[in-house]
Amino acid sequence: MTNDLMAKIVSLCKRRGFIYPDSEIYGGLANTWDYGPLGVELKNNIKQLWWKRFVQGRDDIVGIDTALIMNPKVWEASGHTKEFVDLLTECKKCHQRFRADELQGACPNCGGSDFTETKKFNILFRTFIGPSERDANTAYLRGETAQGMFVNFKNILDTTRLSLPFGIAQIGKAFRNEITPGNFIFRLREFEMMEIEYFTKEEEWEKWFEYWRKEMINWIKELGVNIKKIHEVEIPEHERAHYSKRTIDFEYEFPFGQKELYGLAYRTDFDLKNHEKFSGRDLKYYEAPTPSGGRSPDRSVGKFWPHVIEPTWGVDRSVLVTLLEAYSEEKDRIVLKLPPKLAPIKVAVFPLLANKPQLVKKARKIYEDLKKSFMLHASGFMITWDDRGNIGKRYYSQDEIGTPWTITIDFESLEKDDVTVRNRDTMKQERINIKDLPDYLSKKLFSHV
């Protein structure tokens, strides 16, 4: 199954409404994708879980949401206008262009073996601010979310009571004019990141680097990923980003090869130092603790640029690896064994027969009551109604989209006021009294959180 697993995932995503080809009615746009009704729920569940774990569940990290288009001087100061490059080469036979570092042997398009010399290709997306290109100023769509956090460093210090070590977190889109995107949602020109800039003293960077290495491993486990498929790869100096003194990639055994899933970098004080130089604004940290735990207004004490540990998680790659790990084929069914907390739909409610008004009425009442109970109090707890076709097809349809529990209202339900609850993974069924359903489902869901 491994050889064609990607094809099966792409097919399931289109068929069931997880991910669609972008602009499909116009022939699409190469390597761009749209998240459908189920895909956006899965994606949001991943982001919400991350935000709760790393922002809302901690005292040392605050969130931020910064602009996609920033003053172009930001990218000059950060080094991206000069250093944010891929090495480009072109096949002389078919004129297909490739990233030189990913080209192995012959041209994968035509089999040719003669290539042009490599040259640097800046992957920032350019745009223009103004009424026309001729009169406008050049600007860039952000190539990473980090710079929005660095340029707001002083604002965060001035409006919070944070002291070192502390972090700024952000979830948002970034854009890179990739030479060779592909492998479904693995490599995109428009993608989403979950990122933290964690500020610390220089002498403590190794301790916090190790701390975040372990945190990233724990997150990978929380997604339901088999940790045996994860490989930590130390990136050599000549391959690291221009701002990094140390980088670890967490690589996963994708069907198309072992590739980067997440990254952890030590950015030193590169960014704050350069933004202070280019902007003329003081971006140093002043360490003068007060008895109350805040920082003293006496800025003559302890002036320095904090150093930064940067853990980065790709949202789209998180979605992809979650789907790959969850996909399973069992006899006559396909099942997505998603962790219940990530499943797009948590519960599906069925009347046994759609043409029996008394069953439909009772099932509809249960559905509406559960919806009120959970949707207002548990984010990401989606409940759906399904009365299409026979009951067996409905079960397998919900299995294929990863719904952990299905509730069936049958004729016995009319007499005993109970229902059948079916488990997605085991397919076992048990009778539960209707009045006990909210507590039963709460225990089931939160025992998996």
Protein backbone atom coordinates (compact mmCIF):
# COMPACT_ATOMS: atom_id res chain seq x y z
CA MET A 1 0.00 0.00 0.00
CA THR A 2 2.96 2.33 0.64
CA ASN A 3 3.78 2.77 -3.05
CA ASP A 4 0.44 4.33 -3.94
CA LEU A 5 -0.50 5.72 -0.53
CA MET A 6 -0.14 9.33 -1.68
CA ALA A 7 -2.48 8.71 -4.62
CA LYS A 8 -5.02 7.18 -2.24
CA ILE A 9 -4.77 10.12 0.15
CA VAL A 10 -5.21 12.65 -2.66
CA SER A 11 -8.22 10.71 -3.98
CA LEU A 12 -9.85 10.44 -0.55
CA CYS A 13 -9.29 14.15 0.12
CA LYS A 14 -11.01 15.15 -3.12
CA ARG A 15 -13.79 12.57 -2.84
CA ARG A 16 -14.72 13.33 0.76
CA GLY A 17 -14.19 17.08 0.88
CA PHE A 18 -10.88 17.44 2.69
CA ILE A 19 -8.77 19.12 0.00
CA TYR A 20 -9.61 20.21 -3.56
CA PRO A 21 -7.40 21.33 -6.47
CA ASP A 22 -7.41 25.12 -6.51
CA SER A 23 -9.29 26.91 -9.35
CA GLU A 24 -10.29 23.52 -10.72
CA ILE A 25 -13.05 24.82 -13.02
CA TYR A 26 -10.36 26.80 -14.86
CA GLY A 27 -7.94 23.92 -15.15
CA GLY A 28 -6.37 24.54 -11.76
CA LEU A 29 -3.11 26.23 -10.77
CA ALA A 30 -0.13 23.93 -10.38
CA ASN A 31 0.49 22.79 -6.81
CA THR A 32 -2.15 24.97 -5.18
CA TRP A 33 -4.95 23.48 -3.11
CA ASP A 34 -8.12 24.52 -1.30
CA TYR A 35 -9.29 23.05 2.01
CA GLY A 36 -12.85 21.74 1.82
CA PRO A 37 -15.47 21.41 4.61
CA LEU A 38 -13.74 18.48 6.34
CA GLY A 39 -10.21 19.65 5.60
CA VAL A 40 -10.72 23.05 7.16
CA GLU A 41 -12.09 21.39 10.32
CA LEU A 42 -9.07 19.09 10.55
CA LYS A 43 -6.72 22.00 9.92
CA ASN A 44 -8.46 24.20 12.50
CA ASN A 45 -8.41 21.40 15.09
CA ILE A 46 -4.64 21.08 14.65
CA LYS A 47 -4.15 24.83 15.00
CA GLN A 48 -6.46 25.07 18.02
CA LEU A 49 -4.69 22.19 19.73
CA TRP A 50 -1.31 23.86 19.10
CA TRP A 51 -2.55 27.23 20.34
CA LYS A 52 -4.00 25.77 23.53
CA ARG A 53 -0.82 23.80 24.21
CA PHE A 54 1.78 26.46 23.50
CA VAL A 55 0.00 29.77 24.18
CA GLN A 56 -3.11 29.46 26.31
CA GLY A 57 -1.65 26.70 28.47
CA ARG A 58 1.52 28.63 29.35
CA ASP A 59 2.47 31.78 31.24
CA ASP A 60 5.64 32.54 29.28
CA ILE A 61 4.26 32.79 25.73
CA VAL A 62 1.88 35.32 24.19
CA GLY A 63 0.24 35.31 20.78
CA ILE A 64 0.30 37.80 17.95
CA ASP A 65 -1.14 38.10 14.44
CA THR A 66 0.89 40.30 12.10
CA ALA A 67 0.45 41.64 8.58
CA LEU A 68 1.23 39.67 5.42
CA ILE A 69 2.74 42.73 3.71
CA MET A 70 5.31 44.64 5.75
CA ASN A 71 7.57 47.59 5.15
CA PRO A 72 10.12 46.28 2.60
CA LYS A 73 12.94 47.49 4.85
CA VAL A 74 12.01 44.61 7.17
CA TRP A 75 13.20 42.10 4.57
CA GLU A 76 16.34 44.09 3.85
CA ALA A 77 17.23 44.14 7.54
CA SER A 78 16.48 40.44 7.98
CA GLY A 79 18.73 39.52 5.05
CA HIS A 80 15.95 37.95 3.01
CA THR A 81 16.34 40.21 -0.02
CA LYS A 82 19.88 38.88 -0.46
CA GLU A 83 20.01 35.51 1.29
CA PHE A 84 16.53 34.00 0.85
CA VAL A 85 17.49 31.99 -2.19
CA ASP A 86 17.39 28.56 -3.79
CA LEU A 87 19.98 27.30 -6.25
CA LEU A 88 18.34 27.04 -9.67
CA THR A 89 19.43 24.90 -12.61
CA GLU A 90 17.80 24.19 -15.97
CA CYS A 91 17.76 21.10 -18.15
CA LYS A 92 19.21 22.11 -21.53
CA LYS A 93 17.08 19.51 -23.31
CA CYS A 94 13.54 20.23 -22.05
CA HIS A 95 14.23 23.58 -20.28
CA GLN A 96 12.54 22.39 -17.10
CA ARG A 97 13.91 24.18 -14.02
CA PHE A 98 14.84 22.48 -10.77
CA ARG A 99 16.30 23.16 -7.35
CA ALA A 100 19.89 22.05 -7.72
CA ASP A 101 20.04 20.59 -4.21
CA GLU A 102 17.11 18.26 -4.96
CA LEU A 103 18.22 17.10 -8.41
CA GLN A 104 19.66 13.62 -8.46
CA GLY A 105 21.23 12.43 -11.69
CA ALA A 106 19.14 12.67 -14.85
CA CYS A 107 16.33 15.15 -15.50
CA PRO A 108 13.14 13.65 -14.00
CA ASN A 109 11.13 15.24 -16.82
CA CYS A 110 12.98 14.08 -19.97
CA GLY A 111 15.93 12.00 -18.78
CA GLY A 112 18.49 14.52 -20.01
CA SER A 113 21.83 14.85 -18.28
CA ASP A 114 23.04 18.29 -19.41
CA PHE A 115 22.19 21.17 -17.08
CA THR A 116 23.02 24.86 -16.88
CA GLU A 117 25.27 26.22 -14.18
CA THR A 118 23.43 26.88 -10.93
CA LYS A 119 22.39 30.40 -10.07
CA LYS A 120 20.73 31.99 -7.09
CA PHE A 121 16.97 32.52 -7.27
CA ASN A 122 15.30 34.69 -4.61
CA ILE A 123 12.06 33.05 -3.51
CA LEU A 124 10.37 36.10 -1.97
CA PHE A 125 7.12 36.98 -3.76
CA ARG A 126 7.20 40.56 -4.99
CA THR A 127 4.18 42.84 -5.16
CA PHE A 128 3.58 46.55 -5.55
CA ILE A 129 2.04 49.21 -3.32
CA GLY A 130 0.46 52.03 -5.28
CA PRO A 131 -1.91 52.67 -8.19
CA SER A 132 0.43 51.34 -10.89
CA GLU A 133 3.58 49.24 -11.10
CA ARG A 134 5.54 52.10 -12.61
CA ASP A 135 4.81 54.51 -9.78
CA ALA A 136 4.49 52.01 -6.98
CA ASN A 137 6.93 50.88 -4.35
CA THR A 138 8.09 47.29 -4.39
CA ALA A 139 6.93 45.23 -1.44
CA TYR A 140 6.95 41.54 -0.56
CA LEU A 141 4.52 38.95 0.67
CA ARG A 142 6.13 37.68 3.85
CA GLY A 143 8.40 34.68 3.36
CA GLU A 144 8.17 33.70 7.03
CA THR A 145 6.06 34.71 10.01
CA ALA A 146 9.06 35.35 12.26
CA GLN A 147 9.80 38.93 11.22
CA GLY A 148 6.39 40.16 12.36
CA MET A 149 7.28 38.92 15.83
CA PHE A 150 10.74 40.48 15.83
CA VAL A 151 9.56 43.93 14.75
CA ASN A 152 6.93 43.82 17.52
CA PHE A 153 9.45 42.80 20.18
CA LYS A 154 9.44 46.24 21.81
CA ASN A 155 5.63 46.50 21.64
CA ILE A 156 5.32 43.17 23.44
CA LEU A 157 7.74 44.28 26.16
CA ASP A 158 5.94 47.59 26.63
CA THR A 159 2.44 46.08 26.85
CA THR A 160 3.04 42.93 28.91
CA ARG A 161 4.85 41.99 32.11
CA LEU A 162 6.96 39.31 30.46
CA SER A 163 10.57 38.80 31.42
CA LEU A 164 13.20 36.44 30.03
CA PRO A 165 12.83 33.72 29.02
CA PHE A 166 9.60 34.26 27.10
CA GLY A 167 8.11 33.62 23.70
CA ILE A 168 5.94 35.17 21.03
CA ALA A 169 3.77 32.79 19.00
CA GLN A 170 1.98 33.17 15.70
CA ILE A 171 -0.07 31.09 13.27
CA GLY A 172 -0.28 32.48 9.77
CA LYS A 173 0.34 32.32 6.05
CA ALA A 174 3.73 32.69 4.38
CA PHE A 175 4.65 32.75 0.71
CA ARG A 176 7.66 31.39 -1.16
CA ASN A 177 8.15 31.33 -4.90
CA GLU A 178 9.31 27.72 -4.84
CA ILE A 179 11.04 26.42 -7.96
CA THR A 180 9.67 22.89 -7.61
CA PRO A 181 6.63 22.66 -5.33
CA GLY A 182 4.79 19.37 -5.24
CA ASN A 183 3.89 16.15 -3.45
CA PHE A 184 0.35 17.34 -2.78
CA ILE A 185 0.36 19.77 0.18
CA PHE A 186 3.93 18.95 1.23
CA ARG A 187 5.62 21.82 -0.60
CA LEU A 188 3.47 24.84 -1.46
CA ARG A 189 4.03 28.41 -2.59
CA GLU A 190 1.34 29.57 -0.16
CA PHE A 191 1.39 27.75 3.16
CA GLU A 192 0.62 28.17 6.83
CA MET A 193 3.03 28.07 9.75
CA MET A 194 2.81 27.71 13.53
CA GLU A 195 5.88 29.37 14.97
CA ILE A 196 7.41 30.56 18.23
CA GLU A 197 10.27 32.98 18.78
CA TYR A 198 11.56 32.13 22.24
CA PHE A 199 13.82 34.82 23.72
CA THR A 200 16.49 33.90 26.22
CA LYS A 201 19.95 34.85 27.47
CA GLU A 202 22.84 33.86 25.26
CA GLU A 203 24.40 31.62 27.92
CA GLU A 204 21.14 29.66 28.22
CA TRP A 205 20.45 28.98 24.54
CA GLU A 206 21.62 25.34 24.61
CA LYS A 207 19.33 24.53 27.55
CA TRP A 208 16.30 26.01 25.81
CA PHE A 209 17.21 24.47 22.46
CA GLU A 210 17.09 21.05 24.10
CA TYR A 211 13.86 21.96 25.89
CA TRP A 212 12.14 22.85 22.61
CA ARG A 213 13.54 19.78 20.91
CA LYS A 214 11.69 17.65 23.45
CA GLU A 215 8.54 19.77 23.16
CA MET A 216 8.48 19.25 19.41
CA ILE A 217 8.82 15.49 19.85
CA ASN A 218 5.93 15.53 22.32
CA TRP A 219 3.80 17.45 19.83
CA ILE A 220 4.56 14.92 17.10
CA LYS A 221 3.36 12.16 19.41
CA GLU A 222 0.20 14.15 20.17
CA LEU A 223 -0.65 14.16 16.45
CA GLY A 224 -0.66 10.37 16.55
CA VAL A 225 2.53 10.03 14.50
CA ASN A 226 4.63 6.89 14.86
CA ILE A 227 7.79 8.30 16.41
CA LYS A 228 9.84 5.55 14.74
CA LYS A 229 9.21 7.32 11.43
CA ILE A 230 10.79 10.54 12.74
CA HIS A 231 14.49 11.28 12.26
CA GLU A 232 16.33 14.21 13.80
CA VAL A 233 18.81 15.58 11.28
CA GLU A 234 21.52 18.04 12.26
CA ILE A 235 21.85 20.57 9.44
CA PRO A 236 25.48 21.37 8.54
CA GLU A 237 26.63 24.98 8.50
CA HIS A 238 26.73 25.37 4.71
CA GLU A 239 23.07 24.28 4.45
CA ARG A 240 21.66 26.36 7.30
CA ALA A 241 19.70 29.57 6.83
CA HIS A 242 21.81 32.70 6.99
CA TYR A 243 20.51 33.60 10.46
CA SER A 244 21.01 30.19 12.08
CA LYS A 245 23.89 28.98 14.23
CA ARG A 246 22.27 25.57 14.75
CA THR A 247 19.31 23.87 13.08
CA ILE A 248 17.67 20.49 13.54
CA ASP A 249 15.15 19.18 11.04
CA PHE A 250 12.58 16.65 12.19
CA GLU A 251 12.21 14.49 9.10
CA TYR A 252 9.39 12.02 8.47
CA GLU A 253 9.32 8.92 6.30
CA PHE A 254 6.85 10.15 3.67
CA PRO A 255 5.83 7.78 0.87
CA PHE A 256 7.97 9.92 -1.46
CA GLY A 257 11.03 9.80 0.78
CA GLN A 258 12.39 11.06 4.08
CA LYS A 259 11.70 14.80 4.13
CA GLU A 260 11.48 17.69 6.59
CA LEU A 261 8.35 17.87 8.72
CA TYR A 262 9.37 20.54 11.25
CA GLY A 263 12.43 22.60 12.08
CA LEU A 264 14.18 23.95 15.18
CA ALA A 265 16.68 26.79 14.80
CA TYR A 266 18.95 28.88 17.01
CA ARG A 267 18.79 32.36 15.44
CA THR A 268 21.21 33.98 17.94
CA ASP A 269 20.55 37.74 18.28
CA PHE A 270 20.74 38.22 14.51
CA ASP A 271 17.25 39.58 13.94
CA LEU A 272 16.88 42.04 16.81
CA LYS A 273 20.39 43.38 16.25
CA ASN A 274 19.77 43.99 12.54
CA HIS A 275 16.33 45.52 13.01
CA GLU A 276 17.81 47.93 15.55
CA LYS A 277 20.57 48.82 13.08
CA PHE A 278 18.21 49.42 10.14
CA SER A 279 15.35 51.08 12.04
CA GLY A 280 17.31 53.15 14.53
CA ARG A 281 14.99 51.96 17.30
CA ASP A 282 16.36 50.49 20.51
CA LEU A 283 15.40 46.79 20.56
CA LYS A 284 17.51 45.71 23.52
CA TYR A 285 16.15 44.01 26.59
CA TYR A 286 16.68 45.72 29.94
CA GLU A 287 17.18 43.30 32.77
CA ALA A 288 16.51 44.96 36.09
CA PRO A 289 14.01 42.83 38.02
CA THR A 290 11.79 44.49 40.60
CA PRO A 291 10.31 42.89 43.74
CA SER A 292 6.99 42.50 41.91
CA GLY A 293 8.60 40.46 39.16
CA GLY A 294 8.45 43.14 36.46
CA ARG A 295 11.28 45.09 34.87
CA SER A 296 12.68 48.32 36.23
CA PRO A 297 12.24 51.54 34.23
CA ASP A 298 15.94 52.17 34.87
CA ARG A 299 17.23 51.25 31.43
CA SER A 300 20.85 51.72 32.32
CA VAL A 301 20.91 48.22 33.79
CA GLY A 302 21.48 44.99 31.87
CA LYS A 303 21.10 46.12 28.25
CA PHE A 304 21.45 43.33 25.66
CA TRP A 305 19.83 41.68 22.70
CA PRO A 306 18.20 38.40 23.71
CA HIS A 307 19.03 35.30 21.72
CA VAL A 308 16.28 33.33 20.03
CA ILE A 309 15.25 29.69 19.79
CA GLU A 310 12.77 29.16 16.97
CA PRO A 311 10.60 26.03 16.79
CA THR A 312 8.60 25.94 13.55
CA TRP A 313 5.69 23.69 12.66
CA GLY A 314 4.14 23.60 9.17
CA VAL A 315 0.34 23.45 9.34
CA ASP A 316 -0.10 21.86 5.91
CA ARG A 317 2.58 19.25 6.59
CA SER A 318 0.89 18.55 9.93
CA VAL A 319 -2.35 17.88 8.06
CA LEU A 320 -0.57 15.63 5.56
CA VAL A 321 1.31 13.55 8.12
CA THR A 322 -1.85 13.19 10.22
CA LEU A 323 -3.75 11.83 7.21
CA LEU A 324 -0.91 9.48 6.26
CA GLU A 325 -0.69 8.05 9.77
CA ALA A 326 -4.46 7.67 10.09
CA TYR A 327 -5.17 5.99 6.73
CA SER A 328 -6.01 2.30 6.97
CA GLU A 329 -7.56 -0.34 4.70
CA GLU A 330 -9.47 -3.17 6.38
CA LYS A 331 -11.26 -5.82 4.31
CA ASP A 332 -14.24 -3.96 2.86
CA ARG A 333 -13.69 -0.52 4.37
CA ILE A 334 -11.30 2.42 4.41
CA VAL A 335 -10.93 4.07 7.78
CA LEU A 336 -9.15 7.21 8.94
CA LYS A 337 -8.06 6.43 12.50
CA LEU A 338 -7.60 10.07 13.41
CA PRO A 339 -7.08 10.98 17.06
CA PRO A 340 -10.61 11.93 18.21
CA LYS A 341 -9.48 15.43 19.22
CA LEU A 342 -8.40 16.05 15.61
CA ALA A 343 -11.28 14.36 13.79
CA PRO A 344 -13.29 16.88 11.70
CA ILE A 345 -16.55 15.37 12.94
CA LYS A 346 -16.73 13.80 16.38
CA VAL A 347 -20.21 12.24 16.26
CA ALA A 348 -22.68 11.32 13.51
CA VAL A 349 -26.35 10.74 14.34
CA PHE A 350 -28.45 8.32 12.22
CA PRO A 351 -32.08 7.24 12.15
CA LEU A 352 -32.01 3.53 11.30
CA LEU A 353 -34.46 4.14 8.45
CA ALA A 354 -34.92 7.52 6.78
CA ASN A 355 -38.50 6.71 5.70
CA LYS A 356 -39.83 6.16 9.22
CA PRO A 357 -41.04 9.53 10.59
CA GLN A 358 -41.00 8.41 14.24
CA LEU A 359 -37.34 7.38 13.99
CA VAL A 360 -36.35 10.53 12.14
CA LYS A 361 -38.15 12.74 14.67
CA LYS A 362 -36.47 11.13 17.67
CA ALA A 363 -33.06 11.06 15.97
CA ARG A 364 -33.39 14.70 15.01
CA LYS A 365 -34.20 15.65 18.62
CA ILE A 366 -31.11 13.81 19.87
CA TYR A 367 -28.98 15.46 17.19
CA GLU A 368 -30.19 18.96 18.05
CA ASP A 369 -29.77 18.42 21.80
CA LEU A 370 -26.21 17.10 21.42
CA LYS A 371 -25.34 19.96 19.12
CA LYS A 372 -26.48 22.46 21.73
CA SER A 373 -24.66 20.61 24.51
CA PHE A 374 -21.29 20.40 22.80
CA MET A 375 -20.88 23.05 20.16
CA LEU A 376 -21.28 25.91 22.63
CA HIS A 377 -18.89 24.45 25.18
CA ALA A 378 -16.31 22.41 23.29
CA SER A 379 -14.47 24.00 20.36
CA GLY A 380 -13.93 21.64 17.48
CA PHE A 381 -16.78 19.32 18.58
CA MET A 382 -18.63 18.98 15.27
CA ILE A 383 -21.73 16.77 15.12
CA THR A 384 -23.34 15.75 11.85
CA TRP A 385 -26.65 14.29 10.66
CA ASP A 386 -26.67 11.43 8.15
CA ASP A 387 -29.75 9.66 6.76
CA ARG A 388 -28.48 8.70 3.28
CA GLY A 389 -28.66 5.12 2.01
CA ASN A 390 -28.55 2.00 4.18
CA ILE A 391 -27.03 1.95 7.62
CA GLY A 392 -23.96 -0.06 6.59
CA LYS A 393 -22.98 2.46 3.93
CA ARG A 394 -23.43 5.27 6.42
CA TYR A 395 -21.11 3.56 8.89
CA TYR A 396 -18.41 3.09 6.28
CA SER A 397 -18.83 6.62 4.98
CA GLN A 398 -18.20 8.01 8.48
CA ASP A 399 -15.27 5.60 8.95
CA GLU A 400 -13.65 6.97 5.82
CA ILE A 401 -13.73 10.55 7.08
CA GLY A 402 -12.54 9.59 10.55
CA THR A 403 -15.69 10.09 12.68
CA PRO A 404 -14.92 8.32 16.01
CA TRP A 405 -18.51 7.60 17.10
CA THR A 406 -21.85 7.07 15.39
CA ILE A 407 -25.22 7.04 17.11
CA THR A 408 -28.10 5.04 15.63
CA ILE A 409 -31.73 5.48 16.65
CA ASP A 410 -33.76 2.30 15.98
CA PHE A 411 -37.16 0.93 16.95
CA GLU A 412 -35.83 -0.22 20.32
CA SER A 413 -34.91 3.42 20.99
CA LEU A 414 -38.59 4.34 20.80
CA GLU A 415 -39.41 1.88 23.57
CA LYS A 416 -36.37 2.04 25.87
CA ASP A 417 -35.13 5.59 25.24
CA ASP A 418 -31.65 4.37 24.40
CA VAL A 419 -29.44 4.32 21.30
CA THR A 420 -26.64 2.30 19.73
CA VAL A 421 -23.19 3.91 19.86
CA ARG A 422 -20.64 2.43 17.47
CA ASN A 423 -16.86 2.80 17.80
CA ARG A 424 -15.05 3.64 14.55
CA ASP A 425 -11.87 1.66 15.21
CA THR A 426 -13.29 -1.51 16.77
CA MET A 427 -16.78 -1.36 15.15
CA LYS A 428 -18.16 -2.53 18.50
CA GLN A 429 -21.59 -1.28 19.51
CA GLU A 430 -23.17 -0.63 22.89
CA ARG A 431 -26.55 0.57 24.07
CA ILE A 432 -26.52 3.89 25.92
CA ASN A 433 -29.46 5.65 27.55
CA ILE A 434 -30.24 8.90 25.77
CA LYS A 435 -30.03 10.98 28.94
CA ASP A 436 -26.52 9.63 29.55
CA LEU A 437 -25.21 10.47 26.07
CA PRO A 438 -23.60 13.87 26.90
CA ASP A 439 -21.59 12.45 29.81
CA TYR A 440 -20.73 9.31 27.87
CA LEU A 441 -19.41 11.24 24.87
CA SER A 442 -17.56 13.75 27.05
CA LYS A 443 -15.69 10.98 28.81
CA LYS A 444 -14.91 9.29 25.52
CA LEU A 445 -13.61 12.44 23.89
CA PHE A 446 -11.66 13.91 26.77
CA SER A 447 -10.09 10.58 27.69
CA HIS A 448 -8.30 10.91 24.32
CA VAL A 449 -7.21 14.52 24.82
